[in-house]
Amino acid sequence: MGREIKDLEEYVHFLETVLDHLSEAVYIGDENGKIIFVNREAERMDHLSRKYVIGRNENEVYGTENGKLVAGSGQPIVDERTSYRTDEGRLKYVLHSVYPFYHKNEIKGNFAISRDITREDKYIAKIYELQQELKAEHREANKNGTRYIIDHIIGKSVAMITAITMAERAGKFGTNVLICGETGTGKEMFAQSVHNCGLHRNEPFVGINCGAIPENLLESILFGTEKGAFTGAQSQEGLFESAKNGTLFLDEIDSMSLAMQAKLLRVLQEKSVRRLGGKREIPVTCRVISATNINIDHALETKKIRLDLYYRLSSVVLQIPPLRERNKDVLLLAQEFINRFQDIFGTHVKGLSSEVADMFLNYDWPGNVRELEHVIEGAMMVVGEHDEEICPRHIPERIYRDRDTDRVDLPKARGNIDLARETAEFERGIIQKVLRENRGNVTAAAKSLHLHRNVLYRKMKKYGIER
């Protein structure tokens, strides 16, 4: 009998030693709620010695009756998140589970396992707090008519970092800004971000594409109308009034006629606007951000934009680089779009195959960021259910078809070179490149190439090049 008791004592000691080495706190109680064991982690977590705890009732020590509750119902409590303050006043967050202990189909007690999640909970709380701040920012942004803030702009290339830095500074000072960049580079994203960096970010952001509005309507839309100004006209405020103390964004400013530009110039000079058919001068207090997708020097030289208007609009000029000049950003943007469309289409795609990544880095992206976004969107729609990478078969043929023919590189030396053919290919590549740089404007491209426009047209026809 003595040997059995000794063996039992050794076995209990062994179990206690095992429990003392666990990283979770362990509590054992009888059917009446009296605590009969706690391990070292429970001592550490609660700052209470087992000498003090053992023999006392759960309610007396911890102010809870979970053990008694479980013993009475036979139902465990699993992963209950609770918080309490220690005797030293520290707030603790705990993940707590309590299970009934059965012997011969009768509940004889309970055991509980607790894990201190105070540190994790702080991180979770911080993440939640940041998420709420972001949601609040977005809600605030949506109220003013925008979708983008400066943090939405992705780019690590020097040119993009410069543009982002200038955008932030321009936003804070409330000056007029002219944004220059090819189609698809994200000019409106920059315009909205500039607005949301400013002191008047809560004021309206009102945007209009000047190239999409007929000339005879643009004036009334911008300046407003009084009843009777023309047949059917009603009293209506224009966009300068609607923008209040916020921002009026004029996209494709170069498409505005010179006569209309003169009227716009007057508003900027006088800081007031008169509605069509009206006599009263209405103060203008908004900032004007304008944008163009053509080379600004060429626009001024060809009188697409009045020089005096340019001076009024361009307190700060933001030059948004085309994607082909942002090699560092191509794969970064591609991954961002993959992550975005992954949730929408429910795919398992994690990234680009190495072959597609190489193709993307060697492609010129004439449609810039917008084209890249559409290519990724299209690929995410056609990938297989189990595909984890975007492969060449998922992307448009033009990406790899133009890979060799669209780049202007000297041919590598090899035997039996057909000089005439190589020269023709080289010339074709140069013409394509210059046309892209001038957005298909043959007159401007001819000037860059020091060719007569008719000569360039003939060469384009010869090589099958379309604008």
Protein backbone atom coordinates (compact mmCIF):
# COMPACT_ATOMS: atom_id res chain seq x y z
CA MET A 1 0.00 0.00 0.00
CA GLY A 2 2.83 2.37 0.90
CA ARG A 3 4.50 1.69 -2.43
CA GLU A 4 1.28 2.52 -4.27
CA ILE A 5 0.92 5.81 -2.41
CA LYS A 6 4.53 6.68 -3.20
CA ASP A 7 3.99 5.85 -6.85
CA LEU A 8 0.84 7.96 -6.86
CA GLU A 9 2.68 10.89 -5.25
CA GLU A 10 5.44 10.60 -7.85
CA TYR A 11 2.84 10.50 -10.62
CA VAL A 12 1.07 13.62 -9.23
CA HIS A 13 4.43 15.39 -8.93
CA PHE A 14 5.24 14.43 -12.52
CA LEU A 15 1.92 15.85 -13.75
CA GLU A 16 2.40 19.06 -11.74
CA THR A 17 5.89 19.46 -13.22
CA VAL A 18 4.49 19.05 -16.73
CA LEU A 19 1.75 21.60 -16.03
CA ASP A 20 4.31 24.03 -14.58
CA HIS A 21 6.19 24.02 -17.88
CA LEU A 22 3.19 25.02 -19.98
CA SER A 23 2.99 28.55 -21.36
CA GLU A 24 -0.76 28.71 -20.56
CA ALA A 25 -2.17 29.22 -17.08
CA VAL A 26 -3.90 26.09 -15.71
CA TYR A 27 -6.44 26.05 -12.87
CA ILE A 28 -8.10 22.96 -11.34
CA GLY A 29 -11.13 23.17 -9.04
CA ASP A 30 -13.49 20.75 -7.33
CA GLU A 31 -17.25 20.50 -7.83
CA ASN A 32 -17.84 23.14 -5.15
CA GLY A 33 -15.67 25.78 -6.79
CA LYS A 34 -12.68 25.36 -4.46
CA ILE A 35 -9.28 25.73 -6.18
CA ILE A 36 -7.05 22.69 -5.70
CA PHE A 37 -4.21 23.52 -8.13
CA VAL A 38 -2.72 26.37 -10.19
CA ASN A 39 0.48 26.18 -12.23
CA ARG A 40 3.41 28.61 -12.33
CA GLU A 41 2.07 30.52 -15.36
CA ALA A 42 -1.15 31.19 -13.42
CA GLU A 43 0.96 32.58 -10.54
CA ARG A 44 2.90 34.80 -12.94
CA MET A 45 -0.15 35.97 -14.85
CA ASP A 46 -2.29 36.78 -11.80
CA HIS A 47 0.55 37.88 -9.51
CA LEU A 48 -0.88 35.54 -6.84
CA SER A 49 1.08 32.72 -5.19
CA ARG A 50 -0.37 29.22 -5.29
CA LYS A 51 0.01 29.11 -1.51
CA TYR A 52 -2.54 31.93 -1.32
CA VAL A 53 -4.87 30.59 -4.04
CA ILE A 54 -5.10 26.85 -3.30
CA GLY A 55 -7.89 26.02 -0.88
CA ARG A 56 -9.83 29.20 -1.52
CA ASN A 57 -13.03 29.54 -3.52
CA GLU A 58 -12.83 30.78 -7.12
CA ASN A 59 -15.25 33.61 -6.41
CA GLU A 60 -13.20 34.75 -3.40
CA VAL A 61 -9.95 34.90 -5.38
CA TYR A 62 -11.03 35.90 -8.89
CA GLY A 63 -14.57 37.19 -8.45
CA THR A 64 -15.92 34.61 -10.93
CA GLU A 65 -17.94 31.39 -10.71
CA ASN A 66 -17.10 29.78 -14.05
CA GLY A 67 -16.11 26.46 -12.46
CA LYS A 68 -19.36 26.23 -10.55
CA LEU A 69 -21.31 27.20 -13.68
CA VAL A 70 -19.64 24.51 -15.79
CA ALA A 71 -20.03 21.90 -13.06
CA GLY A 72 -23.74 22.66 -12.86
CA SER A 73 -24.47 22.68 -16.61
CA GLY A 74 -21.91 20.20 -17.90
CA GLN A 75 -21.26 22.64 -20.79
CA PRO A 76 -17.72 23.93 -21.32
CA ILE A 77 -16.82 27.59 -21.81
CA VAL A 78 -14.49 27.82 -24.81
CA ASP A 79 -12.20 30.74 -25.75
CA GLU A 80 -14.04 33.41 -23.81
CA ARG A 81 -12.23 36.74 -24.03
CA THR A 82 -12.22 38.49 -20.67
CA SER A 83 -10.38 41.36 -19.03
CA TYR A 84 -9.63 42.23 -15.41
CA ARG A 85 -7.31 44.35 -13.30
CA THR A 86 -4.62 42.81 -11.14
CA ASP A 87 -4.00 43.90 -7.54
CA GLU A 88 -1.36 46.29 -8.93
CA GLY A 89 -4.03 47.88 -11.15
CA ARG A 90 -2.75 46.45 -14.44
CA LEU A 91 -5.37 45.69 -17.08
CA LYS A 92 -5.12 42.10 -18.36
CA TYR A 93 -6.77 40.55 -21.40
CA VAL A 94 -7.22 36.78 -21.22
CA LEU A 95 -8.51 34.04 -23.51
CA HIS A 96 -10.19 31.64 -21.08
CA SER A 97 -11.64 28.12 -21.42
CA VAL A 98 -13.25 26.00 -18.66
CA TYR A 99 -14.06 22.28 -19.01
CA PRO A 100 -15.94 19.88 -16.71
CA PHE A 101 -14.02 16.89 -15.29
CA TYR A 102 -15.95 13.60 -15.31
CA HIS A 103 -15.36 10.47 -13.25
CA LYS A 104 -17.72 7.51 -13.74
CA ASN A 105 -20.18 9.76 -15.56
CA GLU A 106 -20.29 12.23 -12.69
CA ILE A 107 -18.83 15.73 -12.69
CA LYS A 108 -16.15 15.83 -10.02
CA GLY A 109 -14.65 19.20 -10.79
CA ASN A 110 -13.33 21.43 -13.55
CA PHE A 111 -10.11 22.59 -15.11
CA ALA A 112 -9.45 25.89 -16.84
CA ILE A 113 -6.83 27.02 -19.33
CA SER A 114 -6.07 30.72 -19.79
CA ARG A 115 -3.73 32.53 -22.15
CA ASP A 116 -2.53 36.06 -21.56
CA ILE A 117 -3.28 38.00 -24.75
CA THR A 118 -2.67 41.48 -23.32
CA ARG A 119 0.15 42.25 -25.75
CA GLU A 120 -1.72 40.82 -28.76
CA ASP A 121 -4.85 42.65 -27.69
CA LYS A 122 -2.97 45.94 -27.63
CA TYR A 123 -1.85 45.31 -31.20
CA ILE A 124 -5.36 44.27 -32.24
CA ALA A 125 -6.77 47.36 -30.56
CA LYS A 126 -4.20 49.55 -32.33
CA ILE A 127 -4.98 47.95 -35.68
CA TYR A 128 -8.69 48.47 -35.07
CA GLU A 129 -8.03 52.09 -34.10
CA LEU A 130 -6.02 52.69 -37.28
CA GLN A 131 -8.70 51.00 -39.38
CA GLN A 132 -11.32 53.26 -37.84
CA GLU A 133 -9.14 56.31 -38.57
CA LEU A 134 -8.75 55.25 -42.19
CA LYS A 135 -12.48 54.64 -42.52
CA ALA A 136 -13.13 58.07 -41.02
CA GLU A 137 -10.67 59.63 -43.48
CA HIS A 138 -12.38 57.89 -46.38
CA ARG A 139 -15.82 58.93 -45.16
CA GLU A 140 -14.59 62.50 -44.83
CA ALA A 141 -12.99 62.31 -48.27
CA ASN A 142 -16.17 60.95 -49.82
CA LYS A 143 -18.13 63.86 -48.38
CA ASN A 144 -16.01 66.32 -50.33
CA GLY A 145 -16.42 64.50 -53.65
CA THR A 146 -13.06 62.69 -53.74
CA ARG A 147 -11.90 59.07 -53.67
CA TYR A 148 -8.15 59.44 -53.29
CA ILE A 149 -5.66 60.65 -50.71
CA ILE A 150 -1.88 60.94 -51.06
CA ASP A 151 -1.33 57.48 -49.53
CA HIS A 152 -3.14 55.89 -52.47
CA ILE A 153 -0.37 56.98 -54.86
CA ILE A 154 2.09 54.12 -55.39
CA GLY A 155 5.63 54.76 -56.53
CA LYS A 156 9.24 54.37 -55.46
CA SER A 157 10.98 55.83 -58.50
CA VAL A 158 12.76 59.15 -57.99
CA ALA A 159 10.40 60.96 -60.38
CA MET A 160 7.31 59.71 -58.53
CA ILE A 161 8.70 60.49 -55.08
CA THR A 162 9.47 64.02 -56.33
CA ALA A 163 5.92 64.41 -57.70
CA ILE A 164 4.34 63.09 -54.48
CA THR A 165 6.47 65.41 -52.32
CA MET A 166 5.56 68.43 -54.47
CA ALA A 167 1.87 67.44 -54.38
CA GLU A 168 1.90 67.39 -50.56
CA ARG A 169 3.58 70.80 -50.38
CA ALA A 170 1.26 72.33 -52.97
CA GLY A 171 -1.73 70.96 -51.07
CA LYS A 172 -0.71 72.64 -47.83
CA PHE A 173 -0.20 76.09 -49.38
CA GLY A 174 -3.43 76.23 -51.43
CA THR A 175 -1.78 77.44 -54.63
CA ASN A 176 -3.01 76.78 -58.17
CA VAL A 177 -1.48 73.63 -59.63
CA LEU A 178 -0.97 72.47 -63.22
CA ILE A 179 -0.60 68.70 -63.59
CA CYS A 180 1.14 67.45 -66.73
CA GLY A 181 1.14 63.80 -67.71
CA GLU A 182 0.14 61.37 -70.41
CA THR A 183 -3.27 59.73 -70.45
CA GLY A 184 -3.54 57.06 -67.76
CA THR A 185 -0.78 58.36 -65.47
CA GLY A 186 -3.19 59.27 -62.65
CA LYS A 187 -3.62 63.03 -62.96
CA GLU A 188 -7.02 63.11 -61.24
CA MET A 189 -5.67 60.94 -58.42
CA PHE A 190 -2.97 63.56 -57.90
CA ALA A 191 -5.51 66.39 -58.12
CA GLN A 192 -7.73 64.85 -55.44
CA SER A 193 -4.70 64.06 -53.28
CA VAL A 194 -3.51 67.68 -53.50
CA HIS A 195 -6.97 68.81 -52.39
CA ASN A 196 -7.01 66.37 -49.46
CA CYS A 197 -3.60 67.61 -48.25
CA GLY A 198 -4.91 71.15 -47.87
CA LEU A 199 -6.46 73.14 -45.05
CA HIS A 200 -9.75 73.19 -46.98
CA ARG A 201 -9.91 69.42 -47.49
CA ASN A 202 -13.45 69.36 -46.08
CA GLU A 203 -14.63 71.79 -48.75
CA PRO A 204 -15.93 70.46 -52.11
CA PHE A 205 -13.73 69.02 -54.84
CA VAL A 206 -15.47 69.69 -58.16
CA GLY A 207 -14.01 68.23 -61.35
CA ILE A 208 -14.84 68.58 -65.04
CA ASN A 209 -13.26 67.27 -68.25
CA CYS A 210 -13.14 70.31 -70.51
CA GLY A 211 -12.67 68.11 -73.58
CA ALA A 212 -15.91 66.22 -72.92
CA ILE A 213 -18.20 69.28 -72.82
CA PRO A 214 -19.35 71.15 -75.96
CA GLU A 215 -17.96 74.68 -76.09
CA ASN A 216 -21.40 76.32 -75.98
CA LEU A 217 -22.23 74.51 -72.72
CA LEU A 218 -18.87 74.82 -70.97
CA GLU A 219 -19.27 78.52 -70.20
CA SER A 220 -22.66 78.09 -68.52
CA ILE A 221 -21.42 75.03 -66.58
CA LEU A 222 -18.35 76.85 -65.26
CA PHE A 223 -19.85 80.30 -64.61
CA GLY A 224 -23.54 79.54 -64.02
CA THR A 225 -26.67 81.08 -65.51
CA GLU A 226 -29.45 83.47 -64.58
CA LYS A 227 -33.05 82.84 -65.57
CA GLY A 228 -33.71 84.05 -69.11
CA ALA A 229 -30.03 84.11 -70.15
CA PHE A 230 -31.12 81.95 -73.08
CA THR A 231 -34.22 79.96 -73.99
CA GLY A 232 -35.06 77.63 -71.12
CA ALA A 233 -32.27 78.92 -68.86
CA GLN A 234 -32.87 78.79 -65.09
CA SER A 235 -30.95 80.37 -62.24
CA GLN A 236 -28.12 77.93 -61.63
CA GLU A 237 -24.77 78.30 -59.90
CA GLY A 238 -21.68 77.36 -61.88
CA LEU A 239 -18.82 75.12 -60.84
CA PHE A 240 -16.75 78.05 -59.55
CA GLU A 241 -19.54 78.72 -57.04
CA SER A 242 -20.13 75.02 -56.31
CA ALA A 243 -16.46 74.59 -55.38
CA LYS A 244 -16.87 77.22 -52.63
CA ASN A 245 -13.56 77.36 -50.68
CA GLY A 246 -12.44 74.01 -52.09
CA THR A 247 -10.98 72.99 -55.44
CA LEU A 248 -12.12 73.24 -59.06
CA PHE A 249 -10.33 70.64 -61.20
CA LEU A 250 -10.17 71.43 -64.94
CA ASP A 251 -8.99 68.34 -66.81
CA GLU A 252 -7.76 68.59 -70.43
CA ILE A 253 -7.45 72.36 -70.13
CA ASP A 254 -5.73 72.40 -73.53
CA SER A 255 -8.99 71.39 -75.25
CA MET A 256 -10.61 74.66 -74.17
CA SER A 257 -10.86 77.25 -76.97
CA LEU A 258 -8.69 80.37 -76.74
CA ALA A 259 -11.83 82.51 -76.39
CA MET A 260 -12.97 80.41 -73.44
CA GLN A 261 -9.46 80.53 -71.97
CA ALA A 262 -9.66 84.35 -72.07
CA LYS A 263 -12.88 84.25 -70.01
CA LEU A 264 -11.29 81.84 -67.56
CA LEU A 265 -8.27 84.13 -67.27
CA ARG A 266 -10.54 87.05 -66.34
CA VAL A 267 -12.13 85.02 -63.52
CA LEU A 268 -8.70 84.08 -62.14
CA GLN A 269 -7.45 87.67 -62.36
CA GLU A 270 -10.52 89.33 -60.86
CA LYS A 271 -11.29 86.50 -58.43
CA SER A 272 -14.94 86.88 -59.28
CA VAL A 273 -17.41 85.39 -61.74
CA ARG A 274 -20.52 86.71 -63.44
CA ARG A 275 -23.25 84.26 -64.39
CA LEU A 276 -24.48 84.21 -67.98
CA GLY A 277 -27.27 86.77 -68.18
CA GLY A 278 -26.33 88.16 -64.78
CA LYS A 279 -24.95 91.53 -63.66
CA ARG A 280 -23.68 90.70 -60.18
CA GLU A 281 -20.03 89.78 -59.60
CA ILE A 282 -19.78 86.71 -57.37
CA PRO A 283 -16.50 86.26 -55.40
CA VAL A 284 -14.41 83.21 -56.33
CA THR A 285 -12.59 81.63 -53.39
CA CYS A 286 -11.68 78.19 -54.72
CA ARG A 287 -8.27 76.90 -55.77
CA VAL A 288 -7.92 75.80 -59.42
CA ILE A 289 -6.08 72.61 -60.33
CA SER A 290 -5.79 72.00 -64.06
CA ALA A 291 -4.34 69.15 -66.09
CA THR A 292 -3.12 68.44 -69.59
CA ASN A 293 -2.00 65.25 -71.32
CA ILE A 294 0.14 66.98 -73.95
CA ASN A 295 3.65 68.38 -73.68
CA ILE A 296 3.25 71.79 -72.05
CA ASP A 297 6.04 73.45 -74.06
CA HIS A 298 4.44 72.19 -77.27
CA ALA A 299 1.01 73.38 -76.07
CA LEU A 300 2.36 76.89 -75.47
CA GLU A 301 4.34 76.96 -78.70
CA THR A 302 1.34 75.90 -80.79
CA LYS A 303 -0.96 78.24 -78.79
CA LYS A 304 -3.09 75.40 -77.45
CA ILE A 305 -2.80 77.16 -74.09
CA ARG A 306 -2.54 80.92 -73.66
CA LEU A 307 0.73 81.97 -72.10
CA ASP A 308 -0.93 84.45 -69.71
CA LEU A 309 -3.38 81.75 -68.58
CA TYR A 310 -0.49 79.32 -68.09
CA TYR A 311 1.16 81.78 -65.70
CA ARG A 312 -2.06 81.96 -63.65
CA LEU A 313 -2.55 78.20 -63.54
CA SER A 314 1.03 77.08 -62.92
CA SER A 315 2.07 78.36 -59.50
CA VAL A 316 3.18 74.74 -59.11
CA VAL A 317 3.71 72.36 -62.04
CA LEU A 318 3.47 68.65 -61.25
CA GLN A 319 5.08 66.46 -63.90
CA ILE A 320 3.72 62.91 -63.66
CA PRO A 321 6.16 60.51 -65.35
CA PRO A 322 4.86 57.89 -67.81
CA LEU A 323 5.02 54.30 -66.63
CA ARG A 324 7.79 53.44 -69.11
CA GLU A 325 10.04 55.83 -67.16
CA ARG A 326 9.07 54.25 -63.81
CA ASN A 327 10.66 50.84 -64.20
CA LYS A 328 10.86 50.36 -60.43
CA ASP A 329 7.12 50.85 -60.08
CA VAL A 330 5.77 48.47 -62.75
CA LEU A 331 5.94 45.29 -60.66
CA LEU A 332 4.92 47.17 -57.51
CA LEU A 333 1.75 48.43 -59.21
CA ALA A 334 1.06 45.03 -60.79
CA GLN A 335 1.13 43.38 -57.35
CA GLU A 336 -1.15 46.07 -55.94
CA PHE A 337 -3.72 45.43 -58.70
CA ILE A 338 -3.42 41.64 -58.21
CA ASN A 339 -4.18 42.07 -54.50
CA ARG A 340 -7.15 44.28 -55.29
CA PHE A 341 -8.72 42.03 -57.93
CA GLN A 342 -7.99 38.87 -55.94
CA ASP A 343 -10.79 39.76 -53.53
CA ILE A 344 -13.15 40.77 -56.33
CA PHE A 345 -12.70 37.65 -58.48
CA GLY A 346 -11.89 35.19 -55.68
CA THR A 347 -8.75 33.79 -57.34
CA HIS A 348 -5.66 32.17 -55.80
CA VAL A 349 -3.21 34.26 -57.83
CA LYS A 350 -0.32 35.52 -55.72
CA GLY A 351 1.81 37.26 -58.35
CA LEU A 352 3.35 37.29 -61.82
CA SER A 353 5.37 34.49 -63.34
CA SER A 354 9.02 35.46 -63.91
CA GLU A 355 8.38 35.44 -67.67
CA VAL A 356 5.45 37.86 -67.42
CA ALA A 357 7.40 40.07 -65.01
CA ASP A 358 10.18 40.30 -67.60
CA MET A 359 7.64 41.12 -70.33
CA PHE A 360 6.09 43.85 -68.20
CA LEU A 361 9.48 45.43 -67.54
CA ASN A 362 10.27 45.48 -71.26
CA TYR A 363 6.88 46.76 -72.44
CA ASP A 364 6.42 50.51 -73.06
CA TRP A 365 2.92 50.85 -71.54
CA PRO A 366 1.52 53.52 -73.87
CA GLY A 367 -1.67 53.55 -71.77
CA ASN A 368 0.39 53.89 -68.58
CA VAL A 369 -0.99 52.86 -65.16
CA ARG A 370 -4.55 52.59 -66.48
CA GLU A 371 -3.42 50.11 -69.15
CA LEU A 372 -1.52 48.04 -66.57
CA GLU A 373 -4.60 47.96 -64.33
CA HIS A 374 -6.79 46.76 -67.20
CA VAL A 375 -4.25 44.10 -68.23
CA ILE A 376 -4.17 42.73 -64.66
CA GLU A 377 -7.96 42.88 -64.39
CA GLY A 378 -8.33 40.95 -67.66
CA ALA A 379 -5.76 38.37 -66.56
CA MET A 380 -7.49 37.84 -63.21
CA MET A 381 -10.74 37.14 -65.04
CA VAL A 382 -9.26 34.34 -67.20
CA VAL A 383 -6.86 32.59 -64.80
CA GLY A 384 -7.65 29.00 -63.89
CA GLU A 385 -9.18 28.02 -60.58
CA HIS A 386 -5.88 26.67 -59.24
CA ASP A 387 -3.48 29.12 -60.95
CA GLU A 388 -1.20 30.95 -58.52
CA GLU A 389 0.62 33.08 -61.11
CA ILE A 390 -0.31 35.22 -64.08
CA CYS A 391 1.33 33.54 -67.09
CA PRO A 392 1.85 34.69 -70.71
CA ARG A 393 -1.35 32.94 -71.81
CA HIS A 394 -3.35 35.22 -69.50
CA ILE A 395 -2.15 38.55 -70.92
CA PRO A 396 -2.87 40.32 -74.24
CA GLU A 397 -0.74 39.33 -77.21
CA ARG A 398 0.45 42.91 -77.72
CA ILE A 399 2.49 42.74 -74.50
CA TYR A 400 4.84 40.11 -75.89
CA ARG A 401 4.28 40.75 -79.61
CA ASP A 402 5.63 44.29 -79.29
CA ARG A 403 8.39 43.23 -76.94
CA ASP A 404 10.99 43.00 -79.67
CA THR A 405 9.57 45.15 -82.46
CA ASP A 406 8.57 48.12 -80.31
CA ARG A 407 11.94 48.75 -78.68
CA VAL A 408 14.52 50.89 -80.40
CA ASP A 409 17.71 48.88 -79.97
CA LEU A 410 20.56 48.41 -82.36
CA PRO A 411 20.57 44.91 -83.87
CA LYS A 412 23.16 42.55 -82.47
CA ALA A 413 26.06 41.79 -84.78
CA ARG A 414 25.76 38.42 -86.47
CA GLY A 415 26.57 36.81 -89.78
CA ASN A 416 24.66 37.59 -93.01
CA ILE A 417 23.09 40.88 -91.85
CA ASP A 418 20.50 42.28 -94.24
CA LEU A 419 21.43 45.94 -93.79
CA ALA A 420 18.40 47.33 -95.64
CA ARG A 421 15.97 45.25 -93.58
CA GLU A 422 17.69 46.04 -90.26
CA THR A 423 17.80 49.75 -91.10
CA ALA A 424 14.12 49.74 -92.00
CA GLU A 425 13.22 48.00 -88.71
CA PHE A 426 15.32 50.49 -86.78
CA GLU A 427 13.66 53.44 -88.54
CA ARG A 428 10.20 51.96 -87.95
CA GLY A 429 10.94 51.62 -84.22
CA ILE A 430 12.12 55.22 -83.93
CA ILE A 431 9.00 56.54 -85.68
CA GLN A 432 6.74 54.49 -83.38
CA LYS A 433 8.56 55.74 -80.30
CA VAL A 434 8.41 59.42 -81.30
CA LEU A 435 4.72 59.14 -82.24
CA ARG A 436 3.97 57.70 -78.81
CA GLU A 437 5.90 60.46 -77.09
CA ASN A 438 3.79 63.00 -78.99
CA ARG A 439 0.53 61.13 -78.34
CA GLY A 440 -0.02 60.40 -82.05
CA ASN A 441 0.40 64.04 -83.13
CA VAL A 442 2.03 63.67 -86.57
CA THR A 443 2.94 67.36 -86.88
CA ALA A 444 4.75 67.35 -83.53
CA ALA A 445 6.42 64.00 -84.29
CA ALA A 446 7.62 65.25 -87.69
CA LYS A 447 9.13 68.28 -86.01
CA SER A 448 10.94 66.09 -83.47
CA LEU A 449 12.31 63.94 -86.30
CA HIS A 450 13.25 66.98 -88.43
CA LEU A 451 11.04 65.69 -91.24
CA HIS A 452 8.35 67.31 -93.33
CA ARG A 453 4.93 66.09 -92.21
CA ASN A 454 4.17 64.58 -95.67
CA VAL A 455 7.45 62.63 -95.56
CA LEU A 456 6.51 61.21 -92.16
CA TYR A 457 3.06 60.23 -93.46
CA ARG A 458 4.69 58.33 -96.34
CA LYS A 459 7.03 56.49 -93.99
CA MET A 460 4.14 55.60 -91.69
CA LYS A 461 2.23 54.19 -94.66
CA LYS A 462 5.33 52.29 -95.81
CA TYR A 463 5.82 50.63 -92.41
CA GLY A 464 2.11 50.15 -91.67
CA ILE A 465 2.21 52.44 -88.64
CA GLU A 466 -1.03 53.85 -87.32
CA ARG A 467 -1.32 56.87 -85.05
